[in-house]
C-alpha atoms as a PDB file:
ATOM      1  CA  UNK A   1       0.007   0.018   0.019  1.00  0.00           C
ATOM      2  CA  UNK A   2       1.139   3.539  -0.710  1.00  0.00           C
ATOM      3  CA  UNK A   3       3.288   4.887   2.110  1.00  0.00           C
ATOM      4  CA  UNK A   4       2.387   8.451   1.273  1.00  0.00           C
ATOM      5  CA  UNK A   5      -1.250   7.929   2.412  1.00  0.00           C
ATOM      6  CA  UNK A   6      -2.312  10.366  -0.287  1.00  0.00           C
ATOM      7  CA  UNK A   7      -5.924   9.664  -1.441  1.00  0.00           C
ATOM      8  CA  UNK A   8      -5.111   9.983  -5.140  1.00  0.00           C
ATOM      9  CA  UNK A   9      -1.953   7.805  -4.828  1.00  0.00           C
ATOM     10  CA  UNK A  10      -3.889   5.174  -2.870  1.00  0.00           C
ATOM     11  CA  UNK A  11      -6.609   5.047  -5.494  1.00  0.00           C
ATOM     12  CA  UNK A  12      -4.218   4.819  -8.432  1.00  0.00           C
ATOM     13  CA  UNK A  13      -2.037   2.217  -6.784  1.00  0.00           C
ATOM     14  CA  UNK A  14      -4.856  -0.311  -7.188  1.00  0.00           C
ATOM     15  CA  UNK A  15      -4.227  -0.232 -10.944  1.00  0.00           C
ATOM     16  CA  UNK A  16      -0.499   0.355 -11.213  1.00  0.00           C
ATOM     17  CA  UNK A  17       2.550  -0.934  -9.355  1.00  0.00           C
ATOM     18  CA  UNK A  18       5.963   0.628  -8.830  1.00  0.00           C
ATOM     19  CA  UNK A  19       6.803   4.229  -7.852  1.00  0.00           C
ATOM     20  CA  UNK A  20       7.811   5.305 -11.361  1.00  0.00           C
ATOM     21  CA  UNK A  21       4.609   4.041 -12.936  1.00  0.00           C
ATOM     22  CA  UNK A  22       2.615   5.570 -10.111  1.00  0.00           C
ATOM     23  CA  UNK A  23       4.233   8.971 -10.694  1.00  0.00           C
ATOM     24  CA  UNK A  24       3.626   8.696 -14.438  1.00  0.00           C
ATOM     25  CA  UNK A  25      -0.048   7.887 -13.821  1.00  0.00           C
ATOM     26  CA  UNK A  26      -0.431  10.794 -11.358  1.00  0.00           C
ATOM     27  CA  UNK A  27       1.090  13.343 -13.709  1.00  0.00           C
ATOM     28  CA  UNK A  28      -0.727  12.017 -16.807  1.00  0.00           C
ATOM     29  CA  UNK A  29      -4.097  11.785 -15.038  1.00  0.00           C
ATOM     30  CA  UNK A  30      -5.180  15.339 -16.087  1.00  0.00           C
ATOM     31  CA  UNK A  31      -4.678  14.293 -19.748  1.00  0.00           C
ATOM     32  CA  UNK A  32      -6.600  11.057 -19.317  1.00  0.00           C
ATOM     33  CA  UNK A  33      -9.514  12.424 -17.298  1.00  0.00           C
ATOM     34  CA  UNK A  34      -9.855  15.436 -19.543  1.00  0.00           C
ATOM     35  CA  UNK A  35      -9.091  17.980 -16.856  1.00  0.00           C
ATOM     36  CA  UNK A  36      -6.373  19.664 -18.852  1.00  0.00           C
ATOM     37  CA  UNK A  37      -8.430  20.044 -22.087  1.00  0.00           C
ATOM     38  CA  UNK A  38     -11.261  21.445 -19.954  1.00  0.00           C
ATOM     39  CA  UNK A  39      -8.914  24.077 -18.550  1.00  0.00           C
ATOM     40  CA  UNK A  40      -7.736  24.872 -22.067  1.00  0.00           C
ATOM     41  CA  UNK A  41     -11.340  25.396 -23.209  1.00  0.00           C
ATOM     42  CA  UNK A  42     -12.048  27.495 -20.117  1.00  0.00           C
ATOM     43  CA  UNK A  43      -9.162  29.789 -20.985  1.00  0.00           C
ATOM     44  CA  UNK A  44      -6.905  28.953 -18.074  1.00  0.00           C
ATOM     45  CA  UNK A  45      -3.805  29.350 -20.257  1.00  0.00           C
ATOM     46  CA  UNK A  46      -4.543  32.831 -21.522  1.00  0.00           C
ATOM     47  CA  UNK A  47      -2.394  34.576 -18.919  1.00  0.00           C
ATOM     48  CA  UNK A  48       1.214  33.691 -17.861  1.00  0.00           C
ATOM     49  CA  UNK A  49       0.255  33.068 -14.244  1.00  0.00           C
ATOM     50  CA  UNK A  50      -2.465  30.692 -15.475  1.00  0.00           C
ATOM     51  CA  UNK A  51       0.186  28.606 -17.196  1.00  0.00           C
ATOM     52  CA  UNK A  52       2.219  28.348 -13.989  1.00  0.00           C
ATOM     53  CA  UNK A  53      -0.868  27.586 -11.881  1.00  0.00           C
ATOM     54  CA  UNK A  54      -1.992  24.875 -14.243  1.00  0.00           C
ATOM     55  CA  UNK A  55       1.436  23.292 -14.383  1.00  0.00           C
ATOM     56  CA  UNK A  56       2.065  23.298 -10.649  1.00  0.00           C
ATOM     57  CA  UNK A  57      -1.425  22.446  -9.410  1.00  0.00           C
ATOM     58  CA  UNK A  58      -2.667  20.158 -12.190  1.00  0.00           C
ATOM     59  CA  UNK A  59       0.408  18.311 -13.439  1.00  0.00           C
ATOM     60  CA  UNK A  60       2.261  18.721 -10.138  1.00  0.00           C
ATOM     61  CA  UNK A  61       0.453  19.290  -6.930  1.00  0.00           C
ATOM     62  CA  UNK A  62       0.379  17.352  -3.684  1.00  0.00           C
ATOM     63  CA  UNK A  63      -0.004  13.952  -5.315  1.00  0.00           C
ATOM     64  CA  UNK A  64       3.266  14.406  -7.193  1.00  0.00           C
ATOM     65  CA  UNK A  65       5.048  15.632  -4.082  1.00  0.00           C
ATOM     66  CA  UNK A  66       3.721  12.678  -2.077  1.00  0.00           C
ATOM     67  CA  UNK A  67       4.831  10.108  -4.670  1.00  0.00           C
ATOM     68  CA  UNK A  68       8.282  11.626  -5.181  1.00  0.00           C
ATOM     69  CA  UNK A  69       9.047  12.002  -1.461  1.00  0.00           C
ATOM     70  CA  UNK A  70       7.360   8.938  -0.026  1.00  0.00           C
ATOM     71  CA  UNK A  71       7.384   6.379  -2.857  1.00  0.00           C
ATOM     72  CA  UNK A  72      10.481   6.824  -5.028  1.00  0.00           C
ATOM     73  CA  UNK A  73      13.477   5.197  -3.381  1.00  0.00           C
ATOM     74  CA  UNK A  74      16.272   5.852  -5.888  1.00  0.00           C
ATOM     75  CA  UNK A  75      18.931   8.525  -5.726  1.00  0.00           C
ATOM     76  CA  UNK A  76      17.957  12.086  -6.685  1.00  0.00           C
ATOM     77  CA  UNK A  77      19.748  11.692 -10.017  1.00  0.00           C
ATOM     78  CA  UNK A  78      17.912   8.458 -10.814  1.00  0.00           C
ATOM     79  CA  UNK A  79      14.535   9.975  -9.873  1.00  0.00           C
ATOM     80  CA  UNK A  80      15.305  13.063 -11.940  1.00  0.00           C
ATOM     81  CA  UNK A  81      16.132  10.932 -14.968  1.00  0.00           C
ATOM     82  CA  UNK A  82      12.788   9.095 -14.636  1.00  0.00           C
ATOM     83  CA  UNK A  83      10.922  12.406 -14.440  1.00  0.00           C
ATOM     84  CA  UNK A  84      12.719  13.774 -17.501  1.00  0.00           C
ATOM     85  CA  UNK A  85      11.765  10.676 -19.509  1.00  0.00           C
ATOM     86  CA  UNK A  86       8.201  11.134 -18.366  1.00  0.00           C
ATOM     87  CA  UNK A  87       8.266  14.779 -19.422  1.00  0.00           C
ATOM     88  CA  UNK A  88       9.432  13.815 -22.909  1.00  0.00           C
ATOM     89  CA  UNK A  89       6.096  12.087 -23.375  1.00  0.00           C
ATOM     90  CA  UNK A  90       3.881  14.348 -21.287  1.00  0.00           C
ATOM     91  CA  UNK A  91       4.743  17.647 -22.919  1.00  0.00           C
ATOM     92  CA  UNK A  92       3.950  16.753 -26.578  1.00  0.00           C
ATOM     93  CA  UNK A  93       0.740  14.928 -25.572  1.00  0.00           C
ATOM     94  CA  UNK A  94      -0.403  18.083 -23.711  1.00  0.00           C
ATOM     95  CA  UNK A  95       0.192  20.137 -26.845  1.00  0.00           C
ATOM     96  CA  UNK A  96      -1.849  17.726 -28.960  1.00  0.00           C
ATOM     97  CA  UNK A  97      -4.752  17.732 -26.508  1.00  0.00           C
ATOM     98  CA  UNK A  98      -4.700  21.514 -26.443  1.00  0.00           C
ATOM     99  CA  UNK A  99      -5.102  21.524 -30.232  1.00  0.00           C
ATOM    100  CA  UNK A 100      -8.093  19.167 -29.983  1.00  0.00           C
ATOM    101  CA  UNK A 101      -9.625  21.242 -27.221  1.00  0.00           C
ATOM    102  CA  UNK A 102      -9.370  24.341 -29.348  1.00  0.00           C
ATOM    103  CA  UNK A 103     -11.349  22.561 -32.071  1.00  0.00           C
ATOM    104  CA  UNK A 104     -14.043  21.505 -29.630  1.00  0.00           C
ATOM    105  CA  UNK A 105     -14.360  25.061 -28.384  1.00  0.00           C
ATOM    106  CA  UNK A 106     -15.836  26.154 -31.698  1.00  0.00           C
ATOM    107  CA  UNK A 107     -19.249  24.506 -31.107  1.00  0.00           C
ATOM    108  CA  UNK A 108     -19.794  24.906 -27.372  1.00  0.00           C
ATOM    109  CA  UNK A 109     -20.873  27.795 -25.140  1.00  0.00           C
ATOM    110  CA  UNK A 110     -17.723  28.862 -23.241  1.00  0.00           C
ATOM    111  CA  UNK A 111     -19.652  30.569 -20.459  1.00  0.00           C
ATOM    112  CA  UNK A 112     -21.590  27.418 -19.593  1.00  0.00           C
ATOM    113  CA  UNK A 113     -18.577  25.177 -19.899  1.00  0.00           C
ATOM    114  CA  UNK A 114     -16.543  27.394 -17.587  1.00  0.00           C
ATOM    115  CA  UNK A 115     -18.844  26.443 -14.729  1.00  0.00           C
ATOM    116  CA  UNK A 116     -18.395  22.745 -15.380  1.00  0.00           C
ATOM    117  CA  UNK A 117     -14.632  23.187 -15.620  1.00  0.00           C
ATOM    118  CA  UNK A 118     -14.683  24.909 -12.235  1.00  0.00           C
ATOM    119  CA  UNK A 119     -16.822  22.060 -10.871  1.00  0.00           C
ATOM    120  CA  UNK A 120     -14.227  19.575 -12.077  1.00  0.00           C
ATOM    121  CA  UNK A 121     -11.468  21.366 -10.162  1.00  0.00           C
ATOM    122  CA  UNK A 122     -13.615  21.466  -7.044  1.00  0.00           C
ATOM    123  CA  UNK A 123     -14.143  17.705  -7.345  1.00  0.00           C
ATOM    124  CA  UNK A 124     -10.400  17.152  -7.679  1.00  0.00           C
ATOM    125  CA  UNK A 125      -9.793  19.393  -4.631  1.00  0.00           C
ATOM    126  CA  UNK A 126     -12.291  17.358  -2.586  1.00  0.00           C
ATOM    127  CA  UNK A 127     -10.705  14.064  -3.676  1.00  0.00           C
ATOM    128  CA  UNK A 128      -7.319  15.466  -2.698  1.00  0.00           C
ATOM    129  CA  UNK A 129      -8.498  16.564   0.745  1.00  0.00           C
ATOM    130  CA  UNK A 130     -10.377  13.398   1.686  1.00  0.00           C
ATOM    131  CA  UNK A 131     -10.547   9.915   0.226  1.00  0.00           C
ATOM    132  CA  UNK A 132     -13.916   9.326   1.923  1.00  0.00           C
ATOM    133  CA  UNK A 133     -15.493  12.347   0.275  1.00  0.00           C
ATOM    134  CA  UNK A 134     -13.957  11.394  -3.069  1.00  0.00           C
ATOM    135  CA  UNK A 135     -15.792   8.069  -3.031  1.00  0.00           C
ATOM    136  CA  UNK A 136     -19.132   9.889  -3.274  1.00  0.00           C
ATOM    137  CA  UNK A 137     -18.140  12.298  -6.033  1.00  0.00           C
ATOM    138  CA  UNK A 138     -18.349  11.491  -9.788  1.00  0.00           C
ATOM    139  CA  UNK A 139     -15.216  11.094 -11.832  1.00  0.00           C
ATOM    140  CA  UNK A 140     -13.851  14.191 -13.509  1.00  0.00           C
ATOM    141  CA  UNK A 141     -14.451  12.653 -16.962  1.00  0.00           C
ATOM    142  CA  UNK A 142     -18.174  12.280 -16.181  1.00  0.00           C
ATOM    143  CA  UNK A 143     -18.450  15.930 -15.106  1.00  0.00           C
ATOM    144  CA  UNK A 144     -16.681  17.093 -18.245  1.00  0.00           C
ATOM    145  CA  UNK A 145     -18.929  14.945 -20.409  1.00  0.00           C
ATOM    146  CA  UNK A 146     -21.996  16.478 -18.818  1.00  0.00           C
ATOM    147  CA  UNK A 147     -20.469  19.915 -19.350  1.00  0.00           C
ATOM    148  CA  UNK A 148     -20.016  19.247 -23.056  1.00  0.00           C
ATOM    149  CA  UNK A 149     -23.631  18.074 -23.377  1.00  0.00           C
ATOM    150  CA  UNK A 150     -24.940  21.106 -21.504  1.00  0.00           C
ATOM    151  CA  UNK A 151     -22.881  23.669 -23.418  1.00  0.00           C
ATOM    152  CA  UNK A 152     -22.984  22.258 -26.959  1.00  0.00           C
ATOM    153  CA  UNK A 153     -24.469  24.494 -29.632  1.00  0.00           C
ATOM    154  CA  UNK A 154     -25.587  22.249 -32.513  1.00  0.00           C
ATOM    155  CA  UNK A 155     -26.826  25.079 -34.687  1.00  0.00           C
ATOM    156  CA  UNK A 156     -24.121  25.778 -37.248  1.00  0.00           C
ATOM    157  CA  UNK A 157     -21.545  23.743 -35.342  1.00  0.00           C
ATOM    158  CA  UNK A 158     -18.390  22.949 -37.307  1.00  0.00           C
ATOM    159  CA  UNK A 159     -15.440  20.934 -36.125  1.00  0.00           C
ATOM    160  CA  UNK A 160     -12.442  22.822 -37.480  1.00  0.00           C
ATOM    161  CA  UNK A 161      -8.971  21.641 -36.712  1.00  0.00           C
ATOM    162  CA  UNK A 162      -6.788  24.729 -36.984  1.00  0.00           C
ATOM    163  CA  UNK A 163      -4.275  24.571 -34.153  1.00  0.00           C
ATOM    164  CA  UNK A 164      -2.972  27.897 -32.921  1.00  0.00           C
ATOM    165  CA  UNK A 165       0.762  27.891 -32.418  1.00  0.00           C
ATOM    166  CA  UNK A 166       0.560  30.157 -29.398  1.00  0.00           C
ATOM    167  CA  UNK A 167      -1.872  27.867 -27.643  1.00  0.00           C
ATOM    168  CA  UNK A 168       0.269  24.815 -28.381  1.00  0.00           C
ATOM    169  CA  UNK A 169       3.277  26.561 -26.881  1.00  0.00           C
ATOM    170  CA  UNK A 170       1.352  27.605 -23.778  1.00  0.00           C
ATOM    171  CA  UNK A 171       0.060  24.058 -23.281  1.00  0.00           C
ATOM    172  CA  UNK A 172       3.544  22.625 -23.643  1.00  0.00           C
ATOM    173  CA  UNK A 173       4.815  25.296 -21.199  1.00  0.00           C
ATOM    174  CA  UNK A 174       2.186  24.308 -18.628  1.00  0.00           C
ATOM    175  CA  UNK A 175       3.213  20.651 -18.876  1.00  0.00           C
ATOM    176  CA  UNK A 176       6.851  21.664 -18.682  1.00  0.00           C
ATOM    177  CA  UNK A 177       6.171  23.634 -15.514  1.00  0.00           C
ATOM    178  CA  UNK A 178       4.663  20.552 -13.948  1.00  0.00           C
ATOM    179  CA  UNK A 179       7.637  18.439 -14.948  1.00  0.00           C
ATOM    180  CA  UNK A 180      10.018  21.061 -13.633  1.00  0.00           C
ATOM    181  CA  UNK A 181       8.151  21.130 -10.370  1.00  0.00           C
ATOM    182  CA  UNK A 182       8.457  17.375  -9.971  1.00  0.00           C
ATOM    183  CA  UNK A 183      12.113  17.552 -10.983  1.00  0.00           C
ATOM    184  CA  UNK A 184      12.861  20.178  -8.305  1.00  0.00           C
ATOM    185  CA  UNK A 185      11.158  18.080  -5.633  1.00  0.00           C
ATOM    186  CA  UNK A 186      13.130  15.012  -6.736  1.00  0.00           C
ATOM    187  CA  UNK A 187      16.488  16.816  -6.670  1.00  0.00           C
ATOM    188  CA  UNK A 188      15.809  18.243  -3.213  1.00  0.00           C
ATOM    189  CA  UNK A 189      14.238  15.015  -1.987  1.00  0.00           C
ATOM    190  CA  UNK A 190      16.930  14.222   0.568  1.00  0.00           C
ATOM    191  CA  UNK A 191      16.365  17.508   2.333  1.00  0.00           C
ATOM    192  CA  UNK A 192      12.606  17.767   1.888  1.00  0.00           C
ATOM    193  CA  UNK A 193      11.807  14.208   2.888  1.00  0.00           C
ATOM    194  CA  UNK A 194      12.445  14.864   6.584  1.00  0.00           C
ATOM    195  CA  UNK A 195      11.143  18.403   6.705  1.00  0.00           C
ATOM    196  CA  UNK A 196       7.928  18.546   4.694  1.00  0.00           C
ATOM    197  CA  UNK A 197       4.594  17.647   6.224  1.00  0.00           C
ATOM    198  CA  UNK A 198       2.885  15.944   3.264  1.00  0.00           C
ATOM    199  CA  UNK A 199      -0.581  15.988   4.813  1.00  0.00           C
ATOM    200  CA  UNK A 200      -0.375  19.706   5.547  1.00  0.00           C
ATOM    201  CA  UNK A 201       0.811  20.376   1.977  1.00  0.00           C
ATOM    202  CA  UNK A 202      -2.029  18.178   0.672  1.00  0.00           C
ATOM    203  CA  UNK A 203      -4.724  20.154   2.446  1.00  0.00           C
ATOM    204  CA  UNK A 204      -3.186  23.434   1.339  1.00  0.00           C
ATOM    205  CA  UNK A 205      -3.104  22.208  -2.233  1.00  0.00           C
ATOM    206  CA  UNK A 206      -6.781  21.385  -2.010  1.00  0.00           C
ATOM    207  CA  UNK A 207      -7.463  24.957  -0.906  1.00  0.00           C
ATOM    208  CA  UNK A 208      -5.336  26.276  -3.823  1.00  0.00           C
ATOM    209  CA  UNK A 209      -7.316  24.115  -6.265  1.00  0.00           C
ATOM    210  CA  UNK A 210     -10.561  25.488  -4.865  1.00  0.00           C
ATOM    211  CA  UNK A 211      -9.212  29.017  -5.399  1.00  0.00           C
ATOM    212  CA  UNK A 212      -8.285  28.086  -8.986  1.00  0.00           C
ATOM    213  CA  UNK A 213     -11.867  26.903  -9.525  1.00  0.00           C
ATOM    214  CA  UNK A 214     -13.228  30.238  -8.365  1.00  0.00           C
ATOM    215  CA  UNK A 215     -10.822  31.965 -10.718  1.00  0.00           C
ATOM    216  CA  UNK A 216     -11.975  29.882 -13.676  1.00  0.00           C
ATOM    217  CA  UNK A 217     -15.645  30.491 -12.847  1.00  0.00           C
ATOM    218  CA  UNK A 218     -14.838  34.212 -12.407  1.00  0.00           C
ATOM    219  CA  UNK A 219     -16.573  34.284  -9.025  1.00  0.00           C
ATOM    220  CA  UNK A 220     -15.273  37.170  -6.933  1.00  0.00           C
ATOM    221  CA  UNK A 221     -11.621  36.675  -7.907  1.00  0.00           C
ATOM    222  CA  UNK A 222      -9.625  38.531 -10.527  1.00  0.00           C
ATOM    223  CA  UNK A 223      -8.796  36.023 -13.282  1.00  0.00           C
ATOM    224  CA  UNK A 224      -5.443  37.739 -13.931  1.00  0.00           C
ATOM    225  CA  UNK A 225      -4.247  37.632 -10.333  1.00  0.00           C
ATOM    226  CA  UNK A 226      -2.208  34.567  -9.274  1.00  0.00           C
ATOM    227  CA  UNK A 227      -4.321  33.920  -6.185  1.00  0.00           C
ATOM    228  CA  UNK A 228      -4.121  30.139  -6.359  1.00  0.00           C
ATOM    229  CA  UNK A 229      -0.346  30.292  -6.813  1.00  0.00           C
ATOM    230  CA  UNK A 230      -0.052  32.578  -3.811  1.00  0.00           C
ATOM    231  CA  UNK A 231      -2.090  30.122  -1.701  1.00  0.00           C
ATOM    232  CA  UNK A 232       0.189  27.326  -2.763  1.00  0.00           C
ATOM    233  CA  UNK A 233       3.292  29.311  -1.851  1.00  0.00           C
ATOM    234  CA  UNK A 234       1.906  30.011   1.594  1.00  0.00           C
ATOM    235  CA  UNK A 235       1.074  26.315   1.925  1.00  0.00           C
ATOM    236  CA  UNK A 236       4.668  25.365   1.015  1.00  0.00           C
ATOM    237  CA  UNK A 237       6.014  27.721   3.668  1.00  0.00           C
ATOM    238  CA  UNK A 238       3.815  26.346   6.426  1.00  0.00           C
ATOM    239  CA  UNK A 239       4.440  22.750   5.355  1.00  0.00           C
ATOM    240  CA  UNK A 240       8.211  23.069   5.678  1.00  0.00           C
ATOM    241  CA  UNK A 241       9.859  22.596   9.087  1.00  0.00           C
ATOM    242  CA  UNK A 242      13.506  23.721   8.934  1.00  0.00           C
ATOM    243  CA  UNK A 243      14.409  22.343  12.357  1.00  0.00           C
ATOM    244  CA  UNK A 244      16.328  19.049  12.128  1.00  0.00           C
ATOM    245  CA  UNK A 245      15.039  16.009  13.934  1.00  0.00           C
ATOM    246  CA  UNK A 246      16.678  15.445  17.339  1.00  0.00           C
ATOM    247  CA  UNK A 247      16.756  11.691  16.815  1.00  0.00           C
ATOM    248  CA  UNK A 248      16.746   9.504  13.684  1.00  0.00           C
ATOM    249  CA  UNK A 249      13.390   7.928  12.728  1.00  0.00           C
ATOM    250  CA  UNK A 250      12.679   4.791  14.694  1.00  0.00           C
ATOM    251  CA  UNK A 251      15.106   5.575  17.537  1.00  0.00           C
ATOM    252  CA  UNK A 252      13.810   4.464  20.982  1.00  0.00           C
ATOM    253  CA  UNK A 253      12.780   7.296  23.273  1.00  0.00           C
ATOM    254  CA  UNK A 254      11.857   7.570  26.901  1.00  0.00           C
ATOM    255  CA  UNK A 255       8.708   9.038  28.396  1.00  0.00           C
ATOM    256  CA  UNK A 256      10.039  12.581  27.928  1.00  0.00           C
ATOM    257  CA  UNK A 257      10.686  12.026  24.210  1.00  0.00           C
ATOM    258  CA  UNK A 258      14.481  11.934  24.638  1.00  0.00           C
ATOM    259  CA  UNK A 259      16.356   9.413  22.541  1.00  0.00           C
ATOM    260  CA  UNK A 260      17.868   6.553  24.504  1.00  0.00           C
ATOM    261  CA  UNK A 261      20.969   4.499  23.768  1.00  0.00           C
ATOM    262  CA  UNK A 262      21.666   0.798  23.887  1.00  0.00           C
ATOM    263  CA  UNK A 263      24.706   0.887  26.172  1.00  0.00           C
ATOM    264  CA  UNK A 264      27.294   1.809  23.571  1.00  0.00           C
ATOM    265  CA  UNK A 265      30.287   4.146  23.951  1.00  0.00           C
ATOM    266  CA  UNK A 266      30.252   6.527  26.879  1.00  0.00           C
ATOM    267  CA  UNK A 267      28.981   9.980  26.077  1.00  0.00           C
ATOM    268  CA  UNK A 268      30.752  12.744  28.064  1.00  0.00           C
ATOM    269  CA  UNK A 269      27.698  15.003  27.929  1.00  0.00           C
ATOM    270  CA  UNK A 270      25.451  12.221  29.185  1.00  0.00           C
ATOM    271  CA  UNK A 271      27.944  11.378  31.983  1.00  0.00           C
ATOM    272  CA  UNK A 272      28.013  15.000  33.055  1.00  0.00           C
ATOM    273  CA  UNK A 273      24.238  15.128  33.140  1.00  0.00           C
ATOM    274  CA  UNK A 274      24.155  11.906  35.154  1.00  0.00           C
ATOM    275  CA  UNK A 275      26.715  13.204  37.675  1.00  0.00           C
ATOM    276  CA  UNK A 276      24.746  16.402  38.164  1.00  0.00           C
ATOM    277  CA  UNK A 277      21.618  14.388  38.931  1.00  0.00           C
ATOM    278  CA  UNK A 278      23.316  12.346  41.730  1.00  0.00           C
ATOM    279  CA  UNK A 279      22.262  13.226  45.255  1.00  0.00           C
ATOM    280  CA  UNK A 280      25.099  15.194  46.831  1.00  0.00           C
ATOM    281  CA  UNK A 281      23.710  15.216  50.394  1.00  0.00           C
ATOM    282  CA  UNK A 282      25.988  14.023  53.182  1.00  0.00           C
ATOM    283  CA  UNK A 283      25.156  10.402  53.969  1.00  0.00           C
ATOM    284  CA  UNK A 284      26.589  10.753  57.523  1.00  0.00           C
ATOM    285  CA  UNK A 285      23.695  10.611  59.994  1.00  0.00           C
ATOM    286  CA  UNK A 286      23.219  13.525  62.358  1.00  0.00           C
ATOM    287  CA  UNK A 287      23.579  12.980  66.070  1.00  0.00           C
ATOM    288  CA  UNK A 288      19.854  13.195  66.693  1.00  0.00           C
ATOM    289  CA  UNK A 289      18.885  11.241  63.637  1.00  0.00           C
ATOM    290  CA  UNK A 290      17.355   8.444  65.721  1.00  0.00           C
ATOM    291  CA  UNK A 291      15.128  10.750  67.788  1.00  0.00           C
ATOM    292  CA  UNK A 292      11.495  11.001  66.859  1.00  0.00           C
ATOM    293  CA  UNK A 293      10.751  14.547  65.673  1.00  0.00           C
ATOM    294  CA  UNK A 294       7.616  14.616  67.803  1.00  0.00           C
ATOM    295  CA  UNK A 295       9.546  13.691  70.956  1.00  0.00           C
ATOM    296  CA  UNK A 296      12.191  16.259  70.115  1.00  0.00           C
ATOM    297  CA  UNK A 297       9.551  18.992  70.034  1.00  0.00           C
ATOM    298  CA  UNK A 298       8.185  17.886  73.374  1.00  0.00           C
ATOM    299  CA  UNK A 299      11.596  18.152  75.058  1.00  0.00           C
ATOM    300  CA  UNK A 300      11.957  21.788  74.057  1.00  0.00           C
ATOM    301  CA  UNK A 301      10.815  24.456  76.473  1.00  0.00           C
ATOM    302  CA  UNK A 302       7.433  25.976  75.861  1.00  0.00           C
ATOM    303  CA  UNK A 303       8.797  29.515  75.793  1.00  0.00           C
ATOM    304  CA  UNK A 304      10.881  28.870  72.689  1.00  0.00           C
ATOM    305  CA  UNK A 305       9.234  29.047  69.280  1.00  0.00           C
ATOM    306  CA  UNK A 306       8.476  25.745  67.706  1.00  0.00           C
ATOM    307  CA  UNK A 307      10.772  24.745  64.829  1.00  0.00           C
ATOM    308  CA  UNK A 308      10.187  22.236  62.082  1.00  0.00           C
ATOM    309  CA  UNK A 309      12.275  19.119  62.660  1.00  0.00           C
ATOM    310  CA  UNK A 310      14.101  19.410  59.343  1.00  0.00           C
ATOM    311  CA  UNK A 311      15.477  22.903  60.165  1.00  0.00           C
END
């Protein structure tokens, strides 16, 4: 079972095996489910920040981070090579799907389809946040299919395949941003693996996806402002813990959380701490040590103030 405990990774692992195949499936899922073409139709790639948001949140995102950090066990160079090979396939396929999406856009109502595209992103955000909620939501492909049926305009519809070079370049750039994001995580994997809270980053990514959905639907958020990207940056900051671990993972600890040893070489610092904790009181008994404190008080004169026996 997936060690990352990410809902998307857990669901996909039922169909694929191996960390490299799992990463390929996670990053290619927007092309298979139709999420990326839906964003192209909705105009998510019309602004530069939209290209970055689509690349990082759709092709990258928390699922990619979880698989790279928790599943891939090779060296950073080996993982980077696998991601580059994946990008060699992912980028041209994204450009081809963008060309097809541009052709579909000629016979649908963009305003209606924008709402369904936003609904798809909300569904993906919910599946990212909770596996239990994701079980009750329809698949993204089903939502996109309903969106096409609801927004189609049969009167005078013509399927024209005239790919725009600028759109193809923007689609390829979005996929390249996602590949670059995964590549950066893989190269910094040794440092990030012990300092990044994957669950916290996952929930923050879900919030960023919800913000992206509001941007696509043009509901109270400026479509040209990188709000979703800003939310993801804040999430990355709060998910990173720069303090190193005091003990390696799996080391035995006592009740106070301090790592314990197995009786190996003497530690001068530990010996000093032990010596300071030894009772330094004089073991020599006092002359009146055998006298009952109560009897001692009775022998004293009544005109003298009473003193506690330990003074």
